[in-house]
Amino acid sequence: MSTPDLRLLGVVLCGGASSRMGRDKADLTTLDGRSFLDHACERLKFHCPVVCVSSGGNRATNHKQIADPPDAHGPISGIHASLRFARQENFDACLFNPVDTPFLTSNDLERLVQMFRHNRDKIVCAVAAGSTRSVEPLIAIYPIEFETAIGQSIALGQYSLWRLLDTLPIVHVALTPHACQNINTPSDLKELSKDS
């Protein structure tokens, strides 16, 4: 939870084209009938006084929207724009979660927040326990101080968050693979309904 000594801006990342899904993932519904977007925003409310939506266009939402730049290059552009906004609004960091992770919980995000309280000069990234992938760069807390490094990476045409994070100080928080699972395709969505 944000406190006077730590101001976190909550950001739902939903700027992708959802091309594998064939429709906007933000509008998909969870098992309890809420949209993925509403569910992702709700998770952040426990930890952040302000929740924003980072996207490539206008969305029907009550939350502040942070627009991707016209020449966006994937999630790195949304993260950069969000950090710039957070700096302007006097936040210390952004707590990010992607719209397409319906199994991620507020308790999972709390684990990232607690790690960040003791590592405020580092990026705190989730890692799926037992995964061969090093980090989950979209389930993470980025201090505003990394806005410049991310902007420089974009300016150099280097858009991979995984490569960038290899060069920056990070700490990991292990979450269950289920919590980190993305819903990217219609078959993933069908599996979601089987998990009910």
C-alpha atoms as a PDB file:
ATOM      1  CA  MET A   1       0.000   0.000   0.000  1.00  0.00           C
ATOM      2  CA  SER A   2       1.193   3.532  -0.730  1.00  0.00           C
ATOM      3  CA  THR A   3       2.166   5.485   2.359  1.00  0.00           C
ATOM      4  CA  PRO A   4       3.406   9.054   2.832  1.00  0.00           C
ATOM      5  CA  ASP A   5       6.963   7.763   2.415  1.00  0.00           C
ATOM      6  CA  LEU A   6       6.159   5.747  -0.746  1.00  0.00           C
ATOM      7  CA  ARG A   7       3.874   6.942  -3.531  1.00  0.00           C
ATOM      8  CA  LEU A   8       3.171   4.268  -6.126  1.00  0.00           C
ATOM      9  CA  LEU A   9       1.320   4.970  -9.361  1.00  0.00           C
ATOM     10  CA  GLY A  10      -0.630   1.906 -10.451  1.00  0.00           C
ATOM     11  CA  VAL A  11      -0.533   1.235 -14.185  1.00  0.00           C
ATOM     12  CA  VAL A  12      -2.406  -1.388 -16.177  1.00  0.00           C
ATOM     13  CA  LEU A  13      -0.527  -2.115 -19.396  1.00  0.00           C
ATOM     14  CA  CYS A  14      -2.968  -2.760 -22.242  1.00  0.00           C
ATOM     15  CA  GLY A  15      -1.411  -1.178 -25.300  1.00  0.00           C
ATOM     16  CA  GLY A  16      -0.950  -4.356 -27.324  1.00  0.00           C
ATOM     17  CA  ALA A  17      -2.822  -5.150 -30.504  1.00  0.00           C
ATOM     18  CA  SER A  18      -4.263  -8.431 -29.131  1.00  0.00           C
ATOM     19  CA  SER A  19      -3.712  -9.900 -32.608  1.00  0.00           C
ATOM     20  CA  ARG A  20      -3.426 -13.514 -31.414  1.00  0.00           C
ATOM     21  CA  MET A  21      -6.664 -13.158 -29.449  1.00  0.00           C
ATOM     22  CA  GLY A  22      -8.513 -11.556 -32.348  1.00  0.00           C
ATOM     23  CA  ARG A  23     -10.167  -8.960 -30.090  1.00  0.00           C
ATOM     24  CA  ASP A  24      -9.217  -6.518 -27.356  1.00  0.00           C
ATOM     25  CA  LYS A  25      -8.124  -8.475 -24.274  1.00  0.00           C
ATOM     26  CA  ALA A  26      -9.105  -5.599 -21.969  1.00  0.00           C
ATOM     27  CA  ASP A  27     -12.757  -6.357 -22.762  1.00  0.00           C
ATOM     28  CA  LEU A  28     -12.558 -10.086 -22.031  1.00  0.00           C
ATOM     29  CA  THR A  29     -14.338 -11.151 -18.862  1.00  0.00           C
ATOM     30  CA  THR A  30     -13.054 -12.975 -15.808  1.00  0.00           C
ATOM     31  CA  LEU A  31     -14.904 -15.841 -14.203  1.00  0.00           C
ATOM     32  CA  ASP A  32     -16.818 -13.418 -11.965  1.00  0.00           C
ATOM     33  CA  GLY A  33     -18.020 -11.387 -14.961  1.00  0.00           C
ATOM     34  CA  ARG A  34     -15.718  -8.370 -14.643  1.00  0.00           C
ATOM     35  CA  SER A  35     -13.653  -7.232 -17.602  1.00  0.00           C
ATOM     36  CA  PHE A  36      -9.953  -8.036 -17.560  1.00  0.00           C
ATOM     37  CA  LEU A  37      -9.357  -4.269 -17.406  1.00  0.00           C
ATOM     38  CA  ASP A  38     -11.589  -3.760 -14.359  1.00  0.00           C
ATOM     39  CA  HIS A  39      -9.994  -6.753 -12.645  1.00  0.00           C
ATOM     40  CA  ALA A  40      -6.456  -5.437 -13.296  1.00  0.00           C
ATOM     41  CA  CYS A  41      -7.378  -1.959 -12.019  1.00  0.00           C
ATOM     42  CA  GLU A  42      -8.972  -3.412  -8.892  1.00  0.00           C
ATOM     43  CA  ARG A  43      -5.785  -5.341  -8.027  1.00  0.00           C
ATOM     44  CA  LEU A  44      -3.805  -2.099  -8.068  1.00  0.00           C
ATOM     45  CA  LYS A  45      -6.227  -0.086  -5.910  1.00  0.00           C
ATOM     46  CA  PHE A  46      -5.033  -1.873  -2.779  1.00  0.00           C
ATOM     47  CA  HIS A  47      -1.515  -0.516  -3.296  1.00  0.00           C
ATOM     48  CA  CYS A  48      -1.822   2.728  -5.237  1.00  0.00           C
ATOM     49  CA  PRO A  49      -3.750   5.968  -4.611  1.00  0.00           C
ATOM     50  CA  VAL A  50      -4.056   6.510  -8.377  1.00  0.00           C
ATOM     51  CA  VAL A  51      -4.551   3.845 -11.044  1.00  0.00           C
ATOM     52  CA  CYS A  52      -3.953   4.620 -14.712  1.00  0.00           C
ATOM     53  CA  VAL A  53      -4.379   2.708 -17.944  1.00  0.00           C
ATOM     54  CA  SER A  54      -1.503   2.713 -20.430  1.00  0.00           C
ATOM     55  CA  SER A  55      -2.813   2.048 -23.919  1.00  0.00           C
ATOM     56  CA  GLY A  56      -2.531   2.873 -27.566  1.00  0.00           C
ATOM     57  CA  GLY A  57      -5.961   4.499 -27.749  1.00  0.00           C
ATOM     58  CA  ASN A  58      -8.948   5.789 -25.841  1.00  0.00           C
ATOM     59  CA  ARG A  59     -10.662   3.272 -23.602  1.00  0.00           C
ATOM     60  CA  ALA A  60     -13.997   3.403 -21.847  1.00  0.00           C
ATOM     61  CA  THR A  61     -12.707   3.589 -18.291  1.00  0.00           C
ATOM     62  CA  ASN A  62     -12.999   5.843 -15.264  1.00  0.00           C
ATOM     63  CA  HIS A  63      -9.237   5.765 -14.801  1.00  0.00           C
ATOM     64  CA  LYS A  64      -6.698   8.265 -16.051  1.00  0.00           C
ATOM     65  CA  GLN A  65      -5.266   7.161 -19.378  1.00  0.00           C
ATOM     66  CA  ILE A  66      -1.619   7.412 -20.341  1.00  0.00           C
ATOM     67  CA  ALA A  67      -1.387   7.312 -24.115  1.00  0.00           C
ATOM     68  CA  ASP A  68       1.376   5.445 -25.854  1.00  0.00           C
ATOM     69  CA  PRO A  69       3.311   7.714 -28.225  1.00  0.00           C
ATOM     70  CA  PRO A  70       2.255   7.496 -31.897  1.00  0.00           C
ATOM     71  CA  ASP A  71       5.512   5.686 -32.712  1.00  0.00           C
ATOM     72  CA  ALA A  72       5.169   3.182 -29.852  1.00  0.00           C
ATOM     73  CA  HIS A  73       7.473   0.179 -29.840  1.00  0.00           C
ATOM     74  CA  GLY A  74       5.697  -2.264 -27.576  1.00  0.00           C
ATOM     75  CA  PRO A  75       5.515  -2.341 -23.784  1.00  0.00           C
ATOM     76  CA  ILE A  76       8.740  -0.374 -23.333  1.00  0.00           C
ATOM     77  CA  SER A  77       6.969   2.699 -24.733  1.00  0.00           C
ATOM     78  CA  GLY A  78       4.062   2.366 -22.297  1.00  0.00           C
ATOM     79  CA  ILE A  79       6.436   1.937 -19.382  1.00  0.00           C
ATOM     80  CA  HIS A  80       8.448   4.986 -20.439  1.00  0.00           C
ATOM     81  CA  ALA A  81       5.343   7.176 -20.872  1.00  0.00           C
ATOM     82  CA  SER A  82       4.028   6.025 -17.485  1.00  0.00           C
ATOM     83  CA  LEU A  83       7.304   6.806 -15.710  1.00  0.00           C
ATOM     84  CA  ARG A  84       7.330  10.272 -17.273  1.00  0.00           C
ATOM     85  CA  PHE A  85       3.769  10.865 -16.031  1.00  0.00           C
ATOM     86  CA  ALA A  86       4.650   9.506 -12.574  1.00  0.00           C
ATOM     87  CA  ARG A  87       7.612  11.880 -12.313  1.00  0.00           C
ATOM     88  CA  GLN A  88       5.432  14.858 -13.283  1.00  0.00           C
ATOM     89  CA  GLU A  89       2.874  13.884 -10.643  1.00  0.00           C
ATOM     90  CA  ASN A  90       5.477  13.346  -7.880  1.00  0.00           C
ATOM     91  CA  PHE A  91       5.187   9.574  -7.578  1.00  0.00           C
ATOM     92  CA  ASP A  92       8.193   7.520  -6.513  1.00  0.00           C
ATOM     93  CA  ALA A  93       7.598   4.577  -8.816  1.00  0.00           C
ATOM     94  CA  CYS A  94       5.102   2.768 -11.027  1.00  0.00           C
ATOM     95  CA  LEU A  95       3.586  -0.584 -10.114  1.00  0.00           C
ATOM     96  CA  PHE A  96       2.787  -2.271 -13.434  1.00  0.00           C
ATOM     97  CA  ASN A  97       0.556  -5.204 -14.208  1.00  0.00           C
ATOM     98  CA  PRO A  98      -0.597  -6.367 -17.634  1.00  0.00           C
ATOM     99  CA  VAL A  99      -4.270  -6.528 -18.450  1.00  0.00           C
ATOM    100  CA  ASP A 100      -4.046 -10.150 -19.614  1.00  0.00           C
ATOM    101  CA  THR A 101      -2.975 -11.818 -16.343  1.00  0.00           C
ATOM    102  CA  PRO A 102      -6.306 -12.691 -14.695  1.00  0.00           C
ATOM    103  CA  PHE A 103      -4.742 -15.000 -12.089  1.00  0.00           C
ATOM    104  CA  LEU A 104      -2.424 -12.330 -10.683  1.00  0.00           C
ATOM    105  CA  THR A 105      -3.721 -11.193  -7.290  1.00  0.00           C
ATOM    106  CA  SER A 106      -3.413  -8.184  -5.058  1.00  0.00           C
ATOM    107  CA  ASN A 107      -1.449 -10.388  -2.648  1.00  0.00           C
ATOM    108  CA  ASP A 108       1.060 -11.160  -5.412  1.00  0.00           C
ATOM    109  CA  LEU A 109       1.500  -7.435  -6.013  1.00  0.00           C
ATOM    110  CA  GLU A 110       1.908  -6.874  -2.262  1.00  0.00           C
ATOM    111  CA  ARG A 111       4.957  -9.135  -2.359  1.00  0.00           C
ATOM    112  CA  LEU A 112       6.512  -6.851  -4.998  1.00  0.00           C
ATOM    113  CA  VAL A 113       5.673  -3.764  -2.934  1.00  0.00           C
ATOM    114  CA  GLN A 114       7.293  -5.230   0.184  1.00  0.00           C
ATOM    115  CA  MET A 115      10.456  -6.093  -1.759  1.00  0.00           C
ATOM    116  CA  PHE A 116      10.527  -2.578  -3.222  1.00  0.00           C
ATOM    117  CA  ARG A 117      10.338  -0.995   0.237  1.00  0.00           C
ATOM    118  CA  HIS A 118      13.777  -2.510   0.926  1.00  0.00           C
ATOM    119  CA  ASN A 119      15.195  -1.992  -2.601  1.00  0.00           C
ATOM    120  CA  ARG A 120      13.984   1.421  -3.720  1.00  0.00           C
ATOM    121  CA  ASP A 121      16.958   1.960  -6.014  1.00  0.00           C
ATOM    122  CA  LYS A 122      16.193  -1.176  -8.042  1.00  0.00           C
ATOM    123  CA  ILE A 123      13.526  -2.461 -10.399  1.00  0.00           C
ATOM    124  CA  VAL A 124      11.488  -5.196  -8.724  1.00  0.00           C
ATOM    125  CA  CYS A 125      10.324  -7.848 -11.203  1.00  0.00           C
ATOM    126  CA  ALA A 126       8.221 -10.919 -10.779  1.00  0.00           C
ATOM    127  CA  VAL A 127       9.645 -14.222 -11.917  1.00  0.00           C
ATOM    128  CA  ALA A 128       7.525 -17.313 -12.434  1.00  0.00           C
ATOM    129  CA  ALA A 129       8.878 -19.975 -10.091  1.00  0.00           C
ATOM    130  CA  GLY A 130      10.522 -22.751 -12.098  1.00  0.00           C
ATOM    131  CA  SER A 131      10.341 -20.801 -15.367  1.00  0.00           C
ATOM    132  CA  THR A 132      13.187 -20.709 -17.868  1.00  0.00           C
ATOM    133  CA  ARG A 133      12.342 -17.075 -18.587  1.00  0.00           C
ATOM    134  CA  SER A 134      14.427 -14.775 -16.431  1.00  0.00           C
ATOM    135  CA  VAL A 135      11.874 -12.145 -15.407  1.00  0.00           C
ATOM    136  CA  GLU A 136       8.352 -10.897 -16.018  1.00  0.00           C
ATOM    137  CA  PRO A 137       9.140  -7.260 -16.917  1.00  0.00           C
ATOM    138  CA  LEU A 138       5.459  -6.254 -17.064  1.00  0.00           C
ATOM    139  CA  ILE A 139       4.699  -7.445 -13.524  1.00  0.00           C
ATOM    140  CA  ALA A 140       7.087  -5.076 -11.865  1.00  0.00           C
ATOM    141  CA  ILE A 141       7.831  -1.885  -9.993  1.00  0.00           C
ATOM    142  CA  TYR A 142      10.011   0.648 -11.795  1.00  0.00           C
ATOM    143  CA  PRO A 143      11.360   3.645  -9.852  1.00  0.00           C
ATOM    144  CA  ILE A 144      10.978   6.922 -11.753  1.00  0.00           C
ATOM    145  CA  GLU A 145      14.776   7.245 -11.819  1.00  0.00           C
ATOM    146  CA  PHE A 146      14.846   4.657 -14.632  1.00  0.00           C
ATOM    147  CA  GLU A 147      12.827   6.862 -17.000  1.00  0.00           C
ATOM    148  CA  THR A 148      16.062   8.193 -18.534  1.00  0.00           C
ATOM    149  CA  ALA A 149      17.674   4.786 -19.121  1.00  0.00           C
ATOM    150  CA  ILE A 150      14.496   3.463 -20.713  1.00  0.00           C
ATOM    151  CA  GLY A 151      14.190   6.568 -22.889  1.00  0.00           C
ATOM    152  CA  GLN A 152      17.797   6.157 -24.037  1.00  0.00           C
ATOM    153  CA  SER A 153      17.148   2.533 -24.945  1.00  0.00           C
ATOM    154  CA  ILE A 154      14.156   3.582 -27.064  1.00  0.00           C
ATOM    155  CA  ALA A 155      16.204   6.343 -28.741  1.00  0.00           C
ATOM    156  CA  LEU A 156      18.844   3.754 -29.682  1.00  0.00           C
ATOM    157  CA  GLY A 157      16.200   1.498 -31.236  1.00  0.00           C
ATOM    158  CA  GLN A 158      16.575  -1.123 -28.504  1.00  0.00           C
ATOM    159  CA  TYR A 159      13.044  -2.103 -27.552  1.00  0.00           C
ATOM    160  CA  SER A 160      13.542  -5.388 -25.692  1.00  0.00           C
ATOM    161  CA  LEU A 161      12.754  -5.026 -21.999  1.00  0.00           C
ATOM    162  CA  TRP A 162      14.505  -8.325 -21.262  1.00  0.00           C
ATOM    163  CA  ARG A 163      17.767  -7.094 -22.790  1.00  0.00           C
ATOM    164  CA  LEU A 164      17.455  -3.740 -21.058  1.00  0.00           C
ATOM    165  CA  LEU A 165      16.820  -5.336 -17.670  1.00  0.00           C
ATOM    166  CA  ASP A 166      20.026  -7.337 -18.087  1.00  0.00           C
ATOM    167  CA  THR A 167      21.861  -3.995 -17.811  1.00  0.00           C
ATOM    168  CA  LEU A 168      19.923  -2.473 -14.902  1.00  0.00           C
ATOM    169  CA  PRO A 169      19.820  -3.284 -11.169  1.00  0.00           C
ATOM    170  CA  ILE A 170      16.866  -5.553 -10.482  1.00  0.00           C
ATOM    171  CA  VAL A 171      15.614  -7.858  -7.769  1.00  0.00           C
ATOM    172  CA  HIS A 172      13.237 -10.774  -8.275  1.00  0.00           C
ATOM    173  CA  VAL A 173      10.109 -11.869  -6.482  1.00  0.00           C
ATOM    174  CA  ALA A 174       9.092 -15.448  -7.240  1.00  0.00           C
ATOM    175  CA  LEU A 175       5.390 -15.891  -7.976  1.00  0.00           C
ATOM    176  CA  THR A 176       3.533 -19.002  -9.029  1.00  0.00           C
ATOM    177  CA  PRO A 177       3.546 -19.717 -12.773  1.00  0.00           C
ATOM    178  CA  HIS A 178      -0.263 -19.506 -12.569  1.00  0.00           C
ATOM    179  CA  ALA A 179      -0.101 -15.898 -11.302  1.00  0.00           C
ATOM    180  CA  CYS A 180       2.157 -14.905 -14.210  1.00  0.00           C
ATOM    181  CA  GLN A 181       0.123 -16.692 -16.892  1.00  0.00           C
ATOM    182  CA  ASN A 182      -0.935 -14.530 -19.840  1.00  0.00           C
ATOM    183  CA  ILE A 183      -4.158 -15.103 -21.737  1.00  0.00           C
ATOM    184  CA  ASN A 184      -3.067 -14.523 -25.345  1.00  0.00           C
ATOM    185  CA  THR A 185      -5.209 -16.762 -27.553  1.00  0.00           C
ATOM    186  CA  PRO A 186      -8.774 -18.071 -27.739  1.00  0.00           C
ATOM    187  CA  SER A 187      -7.490 -21.467 -26.543  1.00  0.00           C
ATOM    188  CA  ASP A 188      -5.931 -19.780 -23.484  1.00  0.00           C
ATOM    189  CA  LEU A 189      -9.314 -18.188 -22.809  1.00  0.00           C
ATOM    190  CA  LYS A 190     -11.029 -21.569 -23.111  1.00  0.00           C
ATOM    191  CA  GLU A 191      -8.576 -23.008 -20.568  1.00  0.00           C
ATOM    192  CA  LEU A 192      -9.412 -20.106 -18.235  1.00  0.00           C
ATOM    193  CA  SER A 193     -13.063 -21.164 -18.184  1.00  0.00           C
ATOM    194  CA  LYS A 194     -12.006 -24.757 -17.387  1.00  0.00           C
ATOM    195  CA  ASP A 195     -10.096 -23.504 -14.326  1.00  0.00           C
ATOM    196  CA  SER A 196     -13.323 -22.323 -12.712  1.00  0.00           C
END
